[in-house]
Amino acid sequence: MILLKNILVATDFGEASDAALGYGRDLARTYGATLHVLHVAENLVVRYANDEALALLPELQTDIDEAARKRMAELVTDEDRTMLHAKPVVLAAFGAAEAIVEYAKMYNVDVIVMGTHGRGGFAHLLMGSVAERVVRTAPCPVLTVRHPEHEFIVPDALVAVARA
């Protein structure tokens, strides 16, 4: 029997992440799990600590964090908060993959759901893949969702008709 209590959806606010959130919501609803929605904003202070523009970084970081919180507030609905006990979280960190994995460990996450852009070849070599690093280092299973992808989530009304 599969028991899911904590489901983590990692989002970069892109289309693949939106599709992943759909899967995360459905899993949380099906298993009565808590839905954690995490966005990792780049920590500019850590990245550019030795730069002469250091005086501007705290203000810029605040703007980035605030914009991410605003997007998160739009993404996580009131229904998510009440029915799925959704926990929207914005973290500033140097590495997104590492922050996602650490969050999963800290909150005993049972499954991570995240979008992947499906970059191949040279683009993957240059930029790497956050999803790939999470899959390699996560303490739990990771469901990666590509957009557009093969949909296997069926609206509740269709499920009821199919069972009848």
N, C-alpha and C. Protein backbone atom coordinates (compact mmCIF):
# COMPACT_ATOMS: atom_id res chain seq x y z
N MET A 1 0.84 -1.17 0.00
CA MET A 1 0.00 0.00 0.00
C MET A 1 0.89 1.24 0.00
N ILE A 2 0.55 2.19 -0.81
CA ILE A 2 1.28 3.44 -0.87
C ILE A 2 0.67 4.40 0.12
N LEU A 3 1.51 5.00 0.96
CA LEU A 3 1.05 5.97 1.95
C LEU A 3 1.79 7.28 1.70
N LEU A 4 1.06 8.30 1.33
CA LEU A 4 1.64 9.60 1.09
C LEU A 4 1.04 10.59 2.08
N LYS A 5 1.90 11.21 2.88
CA LYS A 5 1.44 12.22 3.85
C LYS A 5 1.87 13.62 3.44
N ASN A 6 3.04 13.72 2.82
CA ASN A 6 3.60 15.01 2.41
C ASN A 6 4.05 14.94 0.96
N ILE A 7 3.46 15.80 0.14
CA ILE A 7 3.80 15.85 -1.27
C ILE A 7 4.40 17.23 -1.55
N LEU A 8 5.56 17.23 -2.17
CA LEU A 8 6.26 18.47 -2.49
C LEU A 8 6.21 18.72 -3.99
N VAL A 9 5.69 19.88 -4.38
CA VAL A 9 5.75 20.31 -5.77
C VAL A 9 6.76 21.45 -5.82
N ALA A 10 7.82 21.26 -6.59
CA ALA A 10 8.83 22.30 -6.78
C ALA A 10 8.45 23.06 -8.04
N THR A 11 8.40 24.39 -7.96
CA THR A 11 7.97 25.17 -9.11
C THR A 11 8.95 26.28 -9.46
N ASP A 12 9.11 26.49 -10.76
CA ASP A 12 9.85 27.67 -11.25
C ASP A 12 8.88 28.62 -11.94
N PHE A 13 7.57 28.37 -11.75
CA PHE A 13 6.46 29.15 -12.29
C PHE A 13 6.31 28.99 -13.80
N GLY A 14 6.93 27.99 -14.39
CA GLY A 14 6.81 27.74 -15.83
C GLY A 14 5.68 26.78 -16.13
N GLU A 15 5.46 26.51 -17.43
CA GLU A 15 4.38 25.62 -17.86
C GLU A 15 4.55 24.20 -17.34
N ALA A 16 5.78 23.68 -17.36
CA ALA A 16 6.00 22.33 -16.86
C ALA A 16 5.71 22.26 -15.36
N SER A 17 6.04 23.31 -14.64
CA SER A 17 5.74 23.35 -13.20
C SER A 17 4.24 23.43 -12.95
N ASP A 18 3.52 24.15 -13.80
CA ASP A 18 2.06 24.20 -13.67
C ASP A 18 1.46 22.82 -13.86
N ALA A 19 1.97 22.08 -14.84
CA ALA A 19 1.49 20.71 -15.05
C ALA A 19 1.82 19.84 -13.84
N ALA A 20 3.02 20.01 -13.29
CA ALA A 20 3.42 19.25 -12.10
C ALA A 20 2.51 19.57 -10.92
N LEU A 21 2.12 20.83 -10.78
CA LEU A 21 1.22 21.22 -9.69
C LEU A 21 -0.12 20.51 -9.82
N GLY A 22 -0.60 20.34 -11.05
CA GLY A 22 -1.84 19.59 -11.27
C GLY A 22 -1.72 18.16 -10.74
N TYR A 23 -0.60 17.52 -11.03
CA TYR A 23 -0.37 16.16 -10.53
C TYR A 23 -0.25 16.16 -9.01
N GLY A 24 0.47 17.12 -8.47
CA GLY A 24 0.65 17.21 -7.02
C GLY A 24 -0.67 17.41 -6.30
N ARG A 25 -1.51 18.30 -6.84
CA ARG A 25 -2.83 18.53 -6.24
C ARG A 25 -3.65 17.24 -6.24
N ASP A 26 -3.64 16.55 -7.38
CA ASP A 26 -4.44 15.33 -7.49
C ASP A 26 -3.94 14.24 -6.55
N LEU A 27 -2.64 14.09 -6.43
CA LEU A 27 -2.07 13.12 -5.49
C LEU A 27 -2.45 13.48 -4.05
N ALA A 28 -2.33 14.75 -3.70
CA ALA A 28 -2.66 15.19 -2.34
C ALA A 28 -4.13 14.95 -2.05
N ARG A 29 -4.99 15.22 -3.01
CA ARG A 29 -6.42 15.00 -2.84
C ARG A 29 -6.71 13.51 -2.68
N THR A 30 -6.11 12.67 -3.50
CA THR A 30 -6.35 11.23 -3.47
C THR A 30 -5.88 10.60 -2.17
N TYR A 31 -4.73 11.02 -1.67
CA TYR A 31 -4.15 10.40 -0.48
C TYR A 31 -4.41 11.18 0.81
N GLY A 32 -5.11 12.30 0.73
CA GLY A 32 -5.35 13.11 1.92
C GLY A 32 -4.05 13.67 2.48
N ALA A 33 -3.12 13.98 1.59
CA ALA A 33 -1.78 14.43 1.99
C ALA A 33 -1.71 15.95 2.05
N THR A 34 -0.70 16.44 2.75
CA THR A 34 -0.40 17.87 2.78
C THR A 34 0.41 18.20 1.53
N LEU A 35 0.02 19.29 0.87
CA LEU A 35 0.70 19.73 -0.34
C LEU A 35 1.66 20.86 0.01
N HIS A 36 2.93 20.64 -0.25
CA HIS A 36 3.96 21.68 -0.08
C HIS A 36 4.29 22.18 -1.48
N VAL A 37 4.26 23.50 -1.67
CA VAL A 37 4.61 24.08 -2.97
C VAL A 37 5.81 24.99 -2.73
N LEU A 38 6.93 24.65 -3.35
CA LEU A 38 8.20 25.32 -3.08
C LEU A 38 8.76 25.99 -4.33
N HIS A 39 9.15 27.24 -4.17
CA HIS A 39 9.89 27.95 -5.21
C HIS A 39 11.23 28.36 -4.61
N VAL A 40 12.30 28.07 -5.33
CA VAL A 40 13.63 28.46 -4.88
C VAL A 40 14.09 29.64 -5.71
N ALA A 41 14.20 30.79 -5.06
CA ALA A 41 14.71 32.00 -5.70
C ALA A 41 16.22 32.02 -5.53
N GLU A 42 16.91 32.46 -6.55
CA GLU A 42 18.37 32.51 -6.47
C GLU A 42 18.81 33.50 -5.40
N ASN A 43 19.74 33.08 -4.57
CA ASN A 43 20.29 33.94 -3.53
C ASN A 43 21.44 34.75 -4.14
N LEU A 44 21.15 35.97 -4.50
CA LEU A 44 22.14 36.83 -5.16
C LEU A 44 23.27 37.24 -4.23
N VAL A 45 22.97 37.39 -2.95
CA VAL A 45 23.99 37.80 -1.99
C VAL A 45 25.10 36.76 -1.93
N VAL A 46 24.73 35.48 -1.94
CA VAL A 46 25.73 34.41 -1.92
C VAL A 46 26.48 34.36 -3.24
N ARG A 47 25.75 34.46 -4.35
CA ARG A 47 26.37 34.34 -5.68
C ARG A 47 27.36 35.48 -5.97
N TYR A 48 26.99 36.71 -5.61
CA TYR A 48 27.80 37.87 -5.98
C TYR A 48 28.42 38.56 -4.76
N ALA A 49 28.74 37.81 -3.74
CA ALA A 49 29.25 38.38 -2.49
C ALA A 49 30.55 39.17 -2.67
N ASN A 50 31.35 38.82 -3.65
CA ASN A 50 32.63 39.51 -3.85
C ASN A 50 32.56 40.61 -4.90
N ASP A 51 31.38 40.90 -5.39
CA ASP A 51 31.19 41.89 -6.44
C ASP A 51 31.10 43.29 -5.84
N GLU A 52 31.50 44.28 -6.60
CA GLU A 52 31.43 45.67 -6.10
C GLU A 52 30.00 46.18 -6.01
N ALA A 53 29.04 45.50 -6.62
CA ALA A 53 27.63 45.91 -6.55
C ALA A 53 26.95 45.36 -5.29
N LEU A 54 27.73 44.87 -4.35
CA LEU A 54 27.21 44.23 -3.14
C LEU A 54 26.21 45.11 -2.39
N ALA A 55 26.39 46.41 -2.41
CA ALA A 55 25.49 47.31 -1.68
C ALA A 55 24.07 47.24 -2.22
N LEU A 56 23.90 46.95 -3.51
CA LEU A 56 22.57 46.88 -4.12
C LEU A 56 21.91 45.52 -3.94
N LEU A 57 22.68 44.50 -3.62
CA LEU A 57 22.15 43.14 -3.59
C LEU A 57 21.03 42.91 -2.58
N PRO A 58 21.14 43.38 -1.34
CA PRO A 58 20.04 43.10 -0.40
C PRO A 58 18.69 43.65 -0.88
N GLU A 59 18.70 44.85 -1.46
CA GLU A 59 17.45 45.42 -1.96
C GLU A 59 16.93 44.63 -3.16
N LEU A 60 17.83 44.25 -4.05
CA LEU A 60 17.45 43.46 -5.21
C LEU A 60 16.92 42.09 -4.78
N GLN A 61 17.58 41.48 -3.79
CA GLN A 61 17.14 40.18 -3.28
C GLN A 61 15.74 40.29 -2.69
N THR A 62 15.48 41.36 -1.96
CA THR A 62 14.16 41.58 -1.37
C THR A 62 13.11 41.68 -2.47
N ASP A 63 13.43 42.39 -3.56
CA ASP A 63 12.49 42.52 -4.68
C ASP A 63 12.21 41.16 -5.33
N ILE A 64 13.25 40.36 -5.51
CA ILE A 64 13.10 39.04 -6.12
C ILE A 64 12.24 38.15 -5.23
N ASP A 65 12.54 38.14 -3.94
CA ASP A 65 11.77 37.32 -3.00
C ASP A 65 10.32 37.74 -2.95
N GLU A 66 10.08 39.05 -2.94
CA GLU A 66 8.70 39.56 -2.88
C GLU A 66 7.93 39.21 -4.15
N ALA A 67 8.56 39.31 -5.30
CA ALA A 67 7.91 38.94 -6.55
C ALA A 67 7.56 37.45 -6.56
N ALA A 68 8.45 36.63 -6.02
CA ALA A 68 8.19 35.18 -5.95
C ALA A 68 7.04 34.89 -4.99
N ARG A 69 7.00 35.57 -3.86
CA ARG A 69 5.89 35.37 -2.91
C ARG A 69 4.56 35.77 -3.54
N LYS A 70 4.57 36.84 -4.32
CA LYS A 70 3.36 37.30 -4.99
C LYS A 70 2.89 36.25 -6.00
N ARG A 71 3.81 35.72 -6.80
CA ARG A 71 3.47 34.67 -7.77
C ARG A 71 2.95 33.43 -7.06
N MET A 72 3.58 33.10 -5.93
CA MET A 72 3.15 31.93 -5.16
C MET A 72 1.73 32.12 -4.62
N ALA A 73 1.42 33.32 -4.17
CA ALA A 73 0.08 33.62 -3.64
C ALA A 73 -0.97 33.46 -4.74
N GLU A 74 -0.61 33.77 -5.97
CA GLU A 74 -1.52 33.59 -7.10
C GLU A 74 -1.65 32.12 -7.49
N LEU A 75 -0.58 31.37 -7.33
CA LEU A 75 -0.53 29.97 -7.74
C LEU A 75 -1.29 29.05 -6.79
N VAL A 76 -1.07 29.25 -5.50
CA VAL A 76 -1.69 28.39 -4.48
C VAL A 76 -3.04 29.00 -4.11
N THR A 77 -4.09 28.27 -4.42
CA THR A 77 -5.45 28.78 -4.24
C THR A 77 -5.93 28.62 -2.80
N ASP A 78 -7.03 29.30 -2.50
CA ASP A 78 -7.66 29.14 -1.19
C ASP A 78 -8.11 27.69 -0.99
N GLU A 79 -8.59 27.06 -2.06
CA GLU A 79 -8.98 25.65 -1.98
C GLU A 79 -7.77 24.77 -1.64
N ASP A 80 -6.62 25.08 -2.24
CA ASP A 80 -5.40 24.34 -1.91
C ASP A 80 -5.09 24.46 -0.42
N ARG A 81 -5.23 25.65 0.10
CA ARG A 81 -4.91 25.90 1.51
C ARG A 81 -5.88 25.18 2.45
N THR A 82 -7.17 25.19 2.13
CA THR A 82 -8.14 24.59 3.04
C THR A 82 -8.25 23.08 2.85
N MET A 83 -8.39 22.61 1.62
CA MET A 83 -8.61 21.18 1.39
C MET A 83 -7.33 20.34 1.41
N LEU A 84 -6.25 20.93 0.94
CA LEU A 84 -4.99 20.17 0.83
C LEU A 84 -3.96 20.61 1.85
N HIS A 85 -4.35 21.53 2.73
CA HIS A 85 -3.45 22.06 3.76
C HIS A 85 -2.14 22.55 3.13
N ALA A 86 -2.27 23.19 1.97
CA ALA A 86 -1.11 23.62 1.19
C ALA A 86 -0.23 24.58 1.97
N LYS A 87 1.06 24.37 1.83
CA LYS A 87 2.07 25.22 2.45
C LYS A 87 2.91 25.84 1.33
N PRO A 88 2.61 27.09 0.95
CA PRO A 88 3.43 27.75 -0.06
C PRO A 88 4.72 28.27 0.57
N VAL A 89 5.86 27.98 -0.07
CA VAL A 89 7.15 28.34 0.50
C VAL A 89 8.04 28.94 -0.58
N VAL A 90 8.69 30.06 -0.25
CA VAL A 90 9.71 30.65 -1.12
C VAL A 90 11.01 30.68 -0.33
N LEU A 91 12.04 30.06 -0.88
CA LEU A 91 13.36 30.05 -0.25
C LEU A 91 14.36 30.72 -1.16
N ALA A 92 15.29 31.45 -0.59
CA ALA A 92 16.41 31.99 -1.35
C ALA A 92 17.60 31.06 -1.09
N ALA A 93 18.15 30.52 -2.16
CA ALA A 93 19.26 29.58 -2.02
C ALA A 93 20.16 29.69 -3.23
N PHE A 94 21.38 29.22 -3.09
CA PHE A 94 22.35 29.26 -4.19
C PHE A 94 22.05 28.18 -5.22
N GLY A 95 21.64 26.99 -4.78
CA GLY A 95 21.36 25.88 -5.69
C GLY A 95 19.94 25.38 -5.50
N ALA A 96 19.16 25.42 -6.57
CA ALA A 96 17.76 25.01 -6.49
C ALA A 96 17.62 23.53 -6.13
N ALA A 97 18.37 22.67 -6.80
CA ALA A 97 18.25 21.23 -6.55
C ALA A 97 18.58 20.90 -5.09
N GLU A 98 19.64 21.47 -4.60
CA GLU A 98 20.05 21.21 -3.22
C GLU A 98 19.01 21.70 -2.24
N ALA A 99 18.42 22.86 -2.49
CA ALA A 99 17.39 23.41 -1.61
C ALA A 99 16.14 22.53 -1.61
N ILE A 100 15.76 22.02 -2.78
CA ILE A 100 14.59 21.15 -2.89
C ILE A 100 14.82 19.87 -2.08
N VAL A 101 15.98 19.27 -2.25
CA VAL A 101 16.30 18.03 -1.54
C VAL A 101 16.36 18.26 -0.03
N GLU A 102 16.96 19.35 0.39
CA GLU A 102 17.03 19.65 1.83
C GLU A 102 15.64 19.88 2.41
N TYR A 103 14.79 20.57 1.69
CA TYR A 103 13.41 20.79 2.14
C TYR A 103 12.69 19.45 2.28
N ALA A 104 12.86 18.58 1.29
CA ALA A 104 12.23 17.26 1.33
C ALA A 104 12.68 16.46 2.54
N LYS A 105 13.95 16.53 2.87
CA LYS A 105 14.46 15.83 4.05
C LYS A 105 13.89 16.43 5.33
N MET A 106 13.88 17.76 5.41
CA MET A 106 13.45 18.45 6.61
C MET A 106 11.98 18.19 6.94
N TYR A 107 11.14 18.08 5.91
CA TYR A 107 9.70 17.93 6.12
C TYR A 107 9.19 16.52 5.82
N ASN A 108 10.09 15.54 5.78
CA ASN A 108 9.71 14.14 5.57
C ASN A 108 8.77 13.97 4.38
N VAL A 109 9.16 14.55 3.26
CA VAL A 109 8.36 14.48 2.05
C VAL A 109 8.38 13.04 1.52
N ASP A 110 7.20 12.57 1.09
CA ASP A 110 7.07 11.21 0.58
C ASP A 110 7.28 11.11 -0.92
N VAL A 111 6.98 12.19 -1.65
CA VAL A 111 7.21 12.22 -3.09
C VAL A 111 7.39 13.68 -3.51
N ILE A 112 8.31 13.89 -4.44
CA ILE A 112 8.54 15.21 -5.02
C ILE A 112 7.98 15.17 -6.44
N VAL A 113 7.19 16.19 -6.79
CA VAL A 113 6.65 16.30 -8.14
C VAL A 113 7.21 17.59 -8.72
N MET A 114 7.81 17.49 -9.89
CA MET A 114 8.39 18.69 -10.49
C MET A 114 8.39 18.61 -12.00
N GLY A 115 8.33 19.76 -12.61
CA GLY A 115 8.37 19.83 -14.06
C GLY A 115 9.79 19.73 -14.56
N THR A 116 9.90 19.30 -15.80
CA THR A 116 11.20 19.28 -16.45
C THR A 116 11.02 19.86 -17.84
N HIS A 117 12.02 20.58 -18.29
CA HIS A 117 11.94 21.22 -19.59
C HIS A 117 12.35 20.27 -20.71
N GLY A 118 12.96 19.16 -20.35
CA GLY A 118 13.34 18.19 -21.36
C GLY A 118 14.39 18.67 -22.33
N ARG A 119 15.29 19.52 -21.84
CA ARG A 119 16.38 19.98 -22.72
C ARG A 119 17.28 18.80 -23.06
N GLY A 120 17.79 18.81 -24.23
CA GLY A 120 18.69 17.74 -24.62
C GLY A 120 20.01 18.28 -25.11
N GLY A 121 20.93 17.39 -25.33
CA GLY A 121 22.20 17.70 -25.96
C GLY A 121 22.98 18.83 -25.34
N PHE A 122 23.32 19.80 -26.17
CA PHE A 122 24.22 20.88 -25.77
C PHE A 122 23.60 21.77 -24.68
N ALA A 123 22.31 22.06 -24.76
CA ALA A 123 21.65 22.89 -23.74
C ALA A 123 21.73 22.21 -22.38
N HIS A 124 21.53 20.90 -22.36
CA HIS A 124 21.62 20.16 -21.10
C HIS A 124 23.05 20.17 -20.57
N LEU A 125 24.01 20.02 -21.46
CA LEU A 125 25.42 20.02 -21.06
C LEU A 125 25.79 21.36 -20.44
N LEU A 126 25.33 22.47 -21.02
CA LEU A 126 25.66 23.80 -20.50
C LEU A 126 24.93 24.12 -19.19
N MET A 127 23.65 23.84 -19.13
CA MET A 127 22.85 24.28 -18.00
C MET A 127 22.59 23.18 -16.98
N GLY A 128 22.74 21.92 -17.38
CA GLY A 128 22.42 20.85 -16.47
C GLY A 128 20.91 20.77 -16.28
N SER A 129 20.50 20.00 -15.33
CA SER A 129 19.08 19.85 -15.09
C SER A 129 18.83 19.79 -13.59
N VAL A 130 18.02 20.74 -13.11
CA VAL A 130 17.65 20.72 -11.69
C VAL A 130 16.91 19.42 -11.40
N ALA A 131 15.99 19.04 -12.28
CA ALA A 131 15.22 17.81 -12.07
C ALA A 131 16.15 16.59 -11.98
N GLU A 132 17.13 16.53 -12.85
CA GLU A 132 18.06 15.39 -12.84
C GLU A 132 18.82 15.33 -11.52
N ARG A 133 19.29 16.47 -11.03
CA ARG A 133 20.03 16.48 -9.76
C ARG A 133 19.12 16.11 -8.59
N VAL A 134 17.87 16.54 -8.64
CA VAL A 134 16.92 16.16 -7.58
C VAL A 134 16.68 14.66 -7.62
N VAL A 135 16.46 14.10 -8.81
CA VAL A 135 16.23 12.65 -8.93
C VAL A 135 17.41 11.87 -8.36
N ARG A 136 18.63 12.32 -8.63
CA ARG A 136 19.83 11.61 -8.16
C ARG A 136 20.02 11.70 -6.66
N THR A 137 19.56 12.78 -6.01
CA THR A 137 19.92 13.00 -4.61
C THR A 137 18.74 13.01 -3.65
N ALA A 138 17.54 12.92 -4.14
CA ALA A 138 16.35 13.02 -3.27
C ALA A 138 16.22 11.82 -2.33
N PRO A 139 15.66 12.06 -1.16
CA PRO A 139 15.47 10.99 -0.18
C PRO A 139 14.17 10.20 -0.43
N CYS A 140 13.46 10.52 -1.53
CA CYS A 140 12.16 9.90 -1.81
C CYS A 140 11.98 9.82 -3.32
N PRO A 141 10.91 9.17 -3.78
CA PRO A 141 10.66 9.13 -5.22
C PRO A 141 10.40 10.53 -5.78
N VAL A 142 10.72 10.70 -7.06
CA VAL A 142 10.51 11.98 -7.75
C VAL A 142 9.72 11.69 -9.02
N LEU A 143 8.60 12.39 -9.17
CA LEU A 143 7.80 12.30 -10.39
C LEU A 143 8.11 13.54 -11.21
N THR A 144 8.69 13.34 -12.40
CA THR A 144 8.98 14.48 -13.26
C THR A 144 7.91 14.56 -14.34
N VAL A 145 7.46 15.78 -14.60
CA VAL A 145 6.38 16.03 -15.54
C VAL A 145 6.89 16.95 -16.63
N ARG A 146 6.70 16.54 -17.85
CA ARG A 146 7.09 17.35 -18.99
C ARG A 146 5.86 18.00 -19.59
N HIS A 147 6.01 19.21 -20.10
CA HIS A 147 4.86 19.86 -20.71
C HIS A 147 5.20 20.24 -22.14
N PRO A 148 4.42 19.93 -23.12
CA PRO A 148 3.20 19.13 -23.00
C PRO A 148 3.57 17.67 -22.79
N GLU A 149 2.69 16.97 -22.08
CA GLU A 149 2.96 15.58 -21.77
C GLU A 149 1.73 14.74 -22.00
N HIS A 150 1.89 13.45 -21.88
CA HIS A 150 0.77 12.52 -21.97
C HIS A 150 -0.04 12.66 -20.69
N GLU A 151 -1.25 13.14 -20.80
CA GLU A 151 -2.10 13.36 -19.63
C GLU A 151 -2.69 12.03 -19.15
N PHE A 152 -2.57 11.75 -17.88
CA PHE A 152 -3.31 10.63 -17.33
C PHE A 152 -4.16 11.04 -16.15
N ILE A 153 -4.21 12.35 -15.88
CA ILE A 153 -5.15 12.86 -14.88
C ILE A 153 -6.47 13.08 -15.60
N VAL A 154 -7.52 12.48 -15.04
CA VAL A 154 -8.85 12.60 -15.63
C VAL A 154 -9.70 13.44 -14.69
N PRO A 155 -10.45 14.42 -15.21
CA PRO A 155 -11.32 15.22 -14.34
C PRO A 155 -12.27 14.32 -13.54
N ASP A 156 -12.57 14.70 -12.30
CA ASP A 156 -13.39 13.89 -11.39
C ASP A 156 -14.72 13.47 -12.01
N ALA A 157 -15.36 14.35 -12.76
CA ALA A 157 -16.65 14.02 -13.37
C ALA A 157 -16.52 12.85 -14.34
N LEU A 158 -15.42 12.81 -15.10
CA LEU A 158 -15.21 11.71 -16.04
C LEU A 158 -14.94 10.39 -15.33
N VAL A 159 -14.27 10.45 -14.18
CA VAL A 159 -14.01 9.25 -13.40
C VAL A 159 -15.33 8.66 -12.92
N ALA A 160 -16.22 9.50 -12.41
CA ALA A 160 -17.52 9.04 -11.92
C ALA A 160 -18.33 8.39 -13.05
N VAL A 161 -18.29 8.98 -14.23
CA VAL A 161 -19.02 8.41 -15.38
C VAL A 161 -18.40 7.09 -15.79
N ALA A 162 -17.07 7.01 -15.81
CA ALA A 162 -16.40 5.78 -16.22
C ALA A 162 -16.67 4.62 -15.27
N ARG A 163 -16.82 4.92 -13.98
CA ARG A 163 -17.09 3.88 -12.99
C ARG A 163 -18.55 3.42 -13.00
N ALA A 164 -19.44 4.23 -13.55
CA ALA A 164 -20.88 3.91 -13.54
C ALA A 164 -21.25 2.87 -14.57
